[in-house]
Amino acid sequence: MKSIYSYTDSDLKPYSDNTLVVSFYFDSDVDTETATQQIDRLVSLVNNDDSYTFVAHEFDLFVMSPKEDE
């Protein structure tokens, strides 16, 4: 696994939630709605499992590859 860049954000309140940014990669024909639905379903698989400690998830950015002109 590659090294993860970490830093302490001094603007946050002490003991607020930590944030880990994760990238999921999809085929170029997958749109934003489909991608977010798939991630929501993935997260829901562990909703009631106490061994997973994340408290929330949100979507910030969807980067799409360019399409060739038809």
PDB file of N, CA and C in Angstrom:
ATOM      1  N   MET A   1       0.844  -1.172   0.000  1.00  0.00           N
ATOM      2  CA  MET A   1       0.000   0.000   0.000  1.00  0.00           C
ATOM      3  C   MET A   1       0.891   1.237   0.000  1.00  0.00           C
ATOM      4  N   LYS A   2       0.499   2.227  -0.788  1.00  0.00           N
ATOM      5  CA  LYS A   2       1.302   3.439  -0.839  1.00  0.00           C
ATOM      6  C   LYS A   2       1.120   4.251   0.440  1.00  0.00           C
ATOM      7  N   SER A   3       2.048   5.120   0.695  1.00  0.00           N
ATOM      8  CA  SER A   3       2.002   5.985   1.870  1.00  0.00           C
ATOM      9  C   SER A   3       0.874   6.997   1.725  1.00  0.00           C
ATOM     10  N   ILE A   4       0.176   7.253   2.807  1.00  0.00           N
ATOM     11  CA  ILE A   4      -0.939   8.199   2.797  1.00  0.00           C
ATOM     12  C   ILE A   4      -0.482   9.516   3.407  1.00  0.00           C
ATOM     13  N   TYR A   5      -0.710  10.604   2.694  1.00  0.00           N
ATOM     14  CA  TYR A   5      -0.377  11.929   3.196  1.00  0.00           C
ATOM     15  C   TYR A   5      -1.328  12.261   4.348  1.00  0.00           C
ATOM     16  N   SER A   6      -0.794  12.636   5.490  1.00  0.00           N
ATOM     17  CA  SER A   6      -1.598  12.986   6.662  1.00  0.00           C
ATOM     18  C   SER A   6      -1.149  14.322   7.216  1.00  0.00           C
ATOM     19  N   TYR A   7      -2.091  15.072   7.754  1.00  0.00           N
ATOM     20  CA  TYR A   7      -1.751  16.324   8.416  1.00  0.00           C
ATOM     21  C   TYR A   7      -2.804  16.634   9.471  1.00  0.00           C
ATOM     22  N   THR A   8      -2.461  17.503  10.410  1.00  0.00           N
ATOM     23  CA  THR A   8      -3.395  17.954  11.431  1.00  0.00           C
ATOM     24  C   THR A   8      -3.934  19.320  11.024  1.00  0.00           C
ATOM     25  N   ASP A   9      -5.256  19.422  10.926  1.00  0.00           N
ATOM     26  CA  ASP A   9      -5.908  20.671  10.551  1.00  0.00           C
ATOM     27  C   ASP A   9      -6.187  21.470  11.818  1.00  0.00           C
ATOM     28  N   SER A  10      -5.392  22.478  12.066  1.00  0.00           N
ATOM     29  CA  SER A  10      -5.504  23.279  13.286  1.00  0.00           C
ATOM     30  C   SER A  10      -6.793  24.083  13.354  1.00  0.00           C
ATOM     31  N   ASP A  11      -7.509  24.198  12.218  1.00  0.00           N
ATOM     32  CA  ASP A  11      -8.768  24.936  12.206  1.00  0.00           C
ATOM     33  C   ASP A  11      -9.950  24.115  12.730  1.00  0.00           C
ATOM     34  N   LEU A  12      -9.770  22.803  12.864  1.00  0.00           N
ATOM     35  CA  LEU A  12     -10.845  21.957  13.366  1.00  0.00           C
ATOM     36  C   LEU A  12     -10.951  22.046  14.884  1.00  0.00           C
ATOM     37  N   LYS A  13     -12.131  21.758  15.387  1.00  0.00           N
ATOM     38  CA  LYS A  13     -12.313  21.689  16.835  1.00  0.00           C
ATOM     39  C   LYS A  13     -11.586  20.452  17.355  1.00  0.00           C
ATOM     40  N   PRO A  14     -11.034  20.531  18.562  1.00  0.00           N
ATOM     41  CA  PRO A  14     -10.377  19.341  19.125  1.00  0.00           C
ATOM     42  C   PRO A  14     -11.349  18.153  19.177  1.00  0.00           C
ATOM     43  N   TYR A  15     -10.866  17.006  18.818  1.00  0.00           N
ATOM     44  CA  TYR A  15     -11.602  15.738  18.839  1.00  0.00           C
ATOM     45  C   TYR A  15     -12.812  15.713  17.912  1.00  0.00           C
ATOM     46  N   SER A  16     -12.795  16.543  16.876  1.00  0.00           N
ATOM     47  CA  SER A  16     -13.839  16.417  15.849  1.00  0.00           C
ATOM     48  C   SER A  16     -13.497  15.198  14.989  1.00  0.00           C
ATOM     49  N   ASP A  17     -14.353  14.856  14.050  1.00  0.00           N
ATOM     50  CA  ASP A  17     -14.123  13.673  13.221  1.00  0.00           C
ATOM     51  C   ASP A  17     -12.878  13.826  12.357  1.00  0.00           C
ATOM     52  N   ASN A  18     -12.124  12.746  12.221  1.00  0.00           N
ATOM     53  CA  ASN A  18     -11.025  12.688  11.257  1.00  0.00           C
ATOM     54  C   ASN A  18     -11.615  12.354   9.890  1.00  0.00           C
ATOM     55  N   THR A  19     -10.967  12.779   8.824  1.00  0.00           N
ATOM     56  CA  THR A  19     -11.452  12.531   7.472  1.00  0.00           C
ATOM     57  C   THR A  19     -10.384  11.807   6.667  1.00  0.00           C
ATOM     58  N   LEU A  20     -10.781  10.716   6.029  1.00  0.00           N
ATOM     59  CA  LEU A  20      -9.915   9.999   5.104  1.00  0.00           C
ATOM     60  C   LEU A  20     -10.544  10.103   3.724  1.00  0.00           C
ATOM     61  N   VAL A  21      -9.823  10.647   2.767  1.00  0.00           N
ATOM     62  CA  VAL A  21     -10.328  10.777   1.402  1.00  0.00           C
ATOM     63  C   VAL A  21      -9.915   9.526   0.634  1.00  0.00           C
ATOM     64  N   VAL A  22     -10.908   8.875   0.023  1.00  0.00           N
ATOM     65  CA  VAL A  22     -10.691   7.620  -0.693  1.00  0.00           C
ATOM     66  C   VAL A  22     -11.181   7.790  -2.126  1.00  0.00           C
ATOM     67  N   SER A  23     -10.431   7.295  -3.076  1.00  0.00           N
ATOM     68  CA  SER A  23     -10.842   7.357  -4.484  1.00  0.00           C
ATOM     69  C   SER A  23     -11.334   5.991  -4.942  1.00  0.00           C
ATOM     70  N   PHE A  24     -12.507   5.961  -5.536  1.00  0.00           N
ATOM     71  CA  PHE A  24     -13.034   4.770  -6.185  1.00  0.00           C
ATOM     72  C   PHE A  24     -12.962   5.034  -7.682  1.00  0.00           C
ATOM     73  N   TYR A  25     -12.589   4.038  -8.449  1.00  0.00           N
ATOM     74  CA  TYR A  25     -12.447   4.194  -9.891  1.00  0.00           C
ATOM     75  C   TYR A  25     -13.526   3.380 -10.596  1.00  0.00           C
ATOM     76  N   PHE A  26     -14.183   3.974 -11.583  1.00  0.00           N
ATOM     77  CA  PHE A  26     -15.270   3.349 -12.328  1.00  0.00           C
ATOM     78  C   PHE A  26     -14.949   3.385 -13.812  1.00  0.00           C
ATOM     79  N   ASP A  27     -15.583   2.500 -14.567  1.00  0.00           N
ATOM     80  CA  ASP A  27     -15.461   2.554 -16.021  1.00  0.00           C
ATOM     81  C   ASP A  27     -15.955   3.906 -16.520  1.00  0.00           C
ATOM     82  N   SER A  28     -15.479   4.336 -17.658  1.00  0.00           N
ATOM     83  CA  SER A  28     -15.792   5.673 -18.168  1.00  0.00           C
ATOM     84  C   SER A  28     -17.269   5.862 -18.527  1.00  0.00           C
ATOM     85  N   ASP A  29     -18.030   4.780 -18.651  1.00  0.00           N
ATOM     86  CA  ASP A  29     -19.451   4.915 -18.975  1.00  0.00           C
ATOM     87  C   ASP A  29     -20.347   5.040 -17.734  1.00  0.00           C
ATOM     88  N   VAL A  30     -19.762   5.024 -16.535  1.00  0.00           N
ATOM     89  CA  VAL A  30     -20.530   5.153 -15.294  1.00  0.00           C
ATOM     90  C   VAL A  30     -20.716   6.632 -14.972  1.00  0.00           C
ATOM     91  N   ASP A  31     -21.982   7.029 -14.742  1.00  0.00           N
ATOM     92  CA  ASP A  31     -22.259   8.425 -14.425  1.00  0.00           C
ATOM     93  C   ASP A  31     -22.225   8.669 -12.907  1.00  0.00           C
ATOM     94  N   THR A  32     -22.338   9.919 -12.517  1.00  0.00           N
ATOM     95  CA  THR A  32     -22.239  10.307 -11.109  1.00  0.00           C
ATOM     96  C   THR A  32     -23.302   9.621 -10.261  1.00  0.00           C
ATOM     97  N   GLU A  33     -24.533   9.614 -10.729  1.00  0.00           N
ATOM     98  CA  GLU A  33     -25.621   9.015  -9.950  1.00  0.00           C
ATOM     99  C   GLU A  33     -25.384   7.530  -9.696  1.00  0.00           C
ATOM    100  N   THR A  34     -24.975   6.803 -10.717  1.00  0.00           N
ATOM    101  CA  THR A  34     -24.707   5.371 -10.570  1.00  0.00           C
ATOM    102  C   THR A  34     -23.553   5.128  -9.612  1.00  0.00           C
ATOM    103  N   ALA A  35     -22.501   5.905  -9.741  1.00  0.00           N
ATOM    104  CA  ALA A  35     -21.332   5.743  -8.876  1.00  0.00           C
ATOM    105  C   ALA A  35     -21.695   5.997  -7.408  1.00  0.00           C
ATOM    106  N   THR A  36     -22.427   7.074  -7.136  1.00  0.00           N
ATOM    107  CA  THR A  36     -22.789   7.376  -5.749  1.00  0.00           C
ATOM    108  C   THR A  36     -23.746   6.328  -5.193  1.00  0.00           C
ATOM    109  N   GLN A  37     -24.649   5.809  -6.009  1.00  0.00           N
ATOM    110  CA  GLN A  37     -25.546   4.740  -5.554  1.00  0.00           C
ATOM    111  C   GLN A  37     -24.760   3.485  -5.190  1.00  0.00           C
ATOM    112  N   GLN A  38     -23.765   3.162  -5.990  1.00  0.00           N
ATOM    113  CA  GLN A  38     -22.960   1.978  -5.704  1.00  0.00           C
ATOM    114  C   GLN A  38     -22.190   2.136  -4.397  1.00  0.00           C
ATOM    115  N   ILE A  39     -21.628   3.307  -4.149  1.00  0.00           N
ATOM    116  CA  ILE A  39     -20.898   3.539  -2.901  1.00  0.00           C
ATOM    117  C   ILE A  39     -21.857   3.509  -1.723  1.00  0.00           C
ATOM    118  N   ASP A  40     -23.036   4.117  -1.868  1.00  0.00           N
ATOM    119  CA  ASP A  40     -24.040   4.052  -0.795  1.00  0.00           C
ATOM    120  C   ASP A  40     -24.406   2.607  -0.462  1.00  0.00           C
ATOM    121  N   ARG A  41     -24.585   1.776  -1.484  1.00  0.00           N
ATOM    122  CA  ARG A  41     -24.899   0.356  -1.245  1.00  0.00           C
ATOM    123  C   ARG A  41     -23.748  -0.348  -0.553  1.00  0.00           C
ATOM    124  N   LEU A  42     -22.522  -0.049  -0.956  1.00  0.00           N
ATOM    125  CA  LEU A  42     -21.348  -0.644  -0.324  1.00  0.00           C
ATOM    126  C   LEU A  42     -21.292  -0.287   1.159  1.00  0.00           C
ATOM    127  N   VAL A  43     -21.509   0.979   1.474  1.00  0.00           N
ATOM    128  CA  VAL A  43     -21.486   1.436   2.865  1.00  0.00           C
ATOM    129  C   VAL A  43     -22.615   0.782   3.656  1.00  0.00           C
ATOM    130  N   SER A  44     -23.774   0.627   3.057  1.00  0.00           N
ATOM    131  CA  SER A  44     -24.913   0.047   3.781  1.00  0.00           C
ATOM    132  C   SER A  44     -24.672  -1.409   4.178  1.00  0.00           C
ATOM    133  N   LEU A  45     -23.752  -2.086   3.517  1.00  0.00           N
ATOM    134  CA  LEU A  45     -23.449  -3.476   3.859  1.00  0.00           C
ATOM    135  C   LEU A  45     -22.858  -3.619   5.259  1.00  0.00           C
ATOM    136  N   VAL A  46     -22.277  -2.542   5.786  1.00  0.00           N
ATOM    137  CA  VAL A  46     -21.630  -2.612   7.100  1.00  0.00           C
ATOM    138  C   VAL A  46     -22.287  -1.698   8.137  1.00  0.00           C
ATOM    139  N   ASN A  47     -23.486  -1.213   7.842  1.00  0.00           N
ATOM    140  CA  ASN A  47     -24.144  -0.245   8.722  1.00  0.00           C
ATOM    141  C   ASN A  47     -24.247  -0.678  10.177  1.00  0.00           C
ATOM    142  N   ASN A  48     -24.552  -1.912  10.452  1.00  0.00           N
ATOM    143  CA  ASN A  48     -24.764  -2.355  11.834  1.00  0.00           C
ATOM    144  C   ASN A  48     -23.637  -3.237  12.349  1.00  0.00           C
ATOM    145  N   ASP A  49     -22.466  -3.082  11.783  1.00  0.00           N
ATOM    146  CA  ASP A  49     -21.305  -3.865  12.198  1.00  0.00           C
ATOM    147  C   ASP A  49     -20.356  -2.956  12.974  1.00  0.00           C
ATOM    148  N   ASP A  50     -20.258  -3.180  14.275  1.00  0.00           N
ATOM    149  CA  ASP A  50     -19.452  -2.310  15.138  1.00  0.00           C
ATOM    150  C   ASP A  50     -17.958  -2.379  14.869  1.00  0.00           C
ATOM    151  N   SER A  51     -17.509  -3.336  14.070  1.00  0.00           N
ATOM    152  CA  SER A  51     -16.075  -3.400  13.776  1.00  0.00           C
ATOM    153  C   SER A  51     -15.658  -2.327  12.767  1.00  0.00           C
ATOM    154  N   TYR A  52     -16.635  -1.690  12.111  1.00  0.00           N
ATOM    155  CA  TYR A  52     -16.358  -0.562  11.219  1.00  0.00           C
ATOM    156  C   TYR A  52     -16.647   0.715  11.981  1.00  0.00           C
ATOM    157  N   THR A  53     -15.675   1.611  12.023  1.00  0.00           N
ATOM    158  CA  THR A  53     -15.780   2.759  12.922  1.00  0.00           C
ATOM    159  C   THR A  53     -16.040   4.092  12.231  1.00  0.00           C
ATOM    160  N   PHE A  54     -16.276   4.102  10.918  1.00  0.00           N
ATOM    161  CA  PHE A  54     -16.564   5.393  10.303  1.00  0.00           C
ATOM    162  C   PHE A  54     -17.975   5.833  10.696  1.00  0.00           C
ATOM    163  N   VAL A  55     -18.163   7.142  10.792  1.00  0.00           N
ATOM    164  CA  VAL A  55     -19.435   7.675  11.281  1.00  0.00           C
ATOM    165  C   VAL A  55     -20.303   8.262  10.174  1.00  0.00           C
ATOM    166  N   ALA A  56     -19.740   8.540   9.014  1.00  0.00           N
ATOM    167  CA  ALA A  56     -20.503   9.105   7.911  1.00  0.00           C
ATOM    168  C   ALA A  56     -19.678   9.030   6.634  1.00  0.00           C
ATOM    169  N   HIS A  57     -20.345   9.285   5.520  1.00  0.00           N
ATOM    170  CA  HIS A  57     -19.625   9.440   4.251  1.00  0.00           C
ATOM    171  C   HIS A  57     -20.335  10.512   3.440  1.00  0.00           C
ATOM    172  N   GLU A  58     -19.581  11.152   2.576  1.00  0.00           N
ATOM    173  CA  GLU A  58     -20.151  12.159   1.694  1.00  0.00           C
ATOM    174  C   GLU A  58     -19.364  12.173   0.399  1.00  0.00           C
ATOM    175  N   PHE A  59     -19.985  12.695  -0.629  1.00  0.00           N
ATOM    176  CA  PHE A  59     -19.357  12.754  -1.943  1.00  0.00           C
ATOM    177  C   PHE A  59     -18.935  14.193  -2.219  1.00  0.00           C
ATOM    178  N   ASP A  60     -17.671  14.364  -2.575  1.00  0.00           N
ATOM    179  CA  ASP A  60     -17.126  15.697  -2.780  1.00  0.00           C
ATOM    180  C   ASP A  60     -16.800  16.014  -4.229  1.00  0.00           C
ATOM    181  N   LEU A  61     -16.364  15.022  -4.968  1.00  0.00           N
ATOM    182  CA  LEU A  61     -15.829  15.293  -6.299  1.00  0.00           C
ATOM    183  C   LEU A  61     -15.968  14.052  -7.166  1.00  0.00           C
ATOM    184  N   PHE A  62     -16.400  14.235  -8.402  1.00  0.00           N
ATOM    185  CA  PHE A  62     -16.458  13.144  -9.376  1.00  0.00           C
ATOM    186  C   PHE A  62     -15.708  13.610 -10.602  1.00  0.00           C
ATOM    187  N   VAL A  63     -14.582  13.006 -10.872  1.00  0.00           N
ATOM    188  CA  VAL A  63     -13.737  13.391 -12.007  1.00  0.00           C
ATOM    189  C   VAL A  63     -14.049  12.460 -13.166  1.00  0.00           C
ATOM    190  N   MET A  64     -14.427  13.056 -14.295  1.00  0.00           N
ATOM    191  CA  MET A  64     -14.778  12.262 -15.469  1.00  0.00           C
ATOM    192  C   MET A  64     -13.705  12.398 -16.538  1.00  0.00           C
ATOM    193  N   SER A  65     -13.477  11.315 -17.253  1.00  0.00           N
ATOM    194  CA  SER A  65     -12.529  11.369 -18.359  1.00  0.00           C
ATOM    195  C   SER A  65     -13.189  12.057 -19.550  1.00  0.00           C
ATOM    196  N   PRO A  66     -12.402  12.711 -20.378  1.00  0.00           N
ATOM    197  CA  PRO A  66     -12.982  13.365 -21.558  1.00  0.00           C
ATOM    198  C   PRO A  66     -13.528  12.327 -22.526  1.00  0.00           C
ATOM    199  N   LYS A  67     -14.528  12.731 -23.279  1.00  0.00           N
ATOM    200  CA  LYS A  67     -15.108  11.871 -24.320  1.00  0.00           C
ATOM    201  C   LYS A  67     -14.683  12.412 -25.680  1.00  0.00           C
ATOM    202  N   GLU A  68     -14.444  11.492 -26.583  1.00  0.00           N
ATOM    203  CA  GLU A  68     -14.097  11.925 -27.935  1.00  0.00           C
ATOM    204  C   GLU A  68     -15.336  12.491 -28.611  1.00  0.00           C
ATOM    205  N   ASP A  69     -15.138  13.502 -29.449  1.00  0.00           N
ATOM    206  CA  ASP A  69     -16.249  14.074 -30.212  1.00  0.00           C
ATOM    207  C   ASP A  69     -16.773  13.034 -31.199  1.00  0.00           C
ATOM    208  N   GLU A  70     -18.093  12.999 -31.300  1.00  0.00           N
ATOM    209  CA  GLU A  70     -18.680  12.020 -32.240  1.00  0.00           C
ATOM    210  C   GLU A  70     -18.902  12.632 -33.585  1.00  0.00           C
TER     211      GLU A  70
END
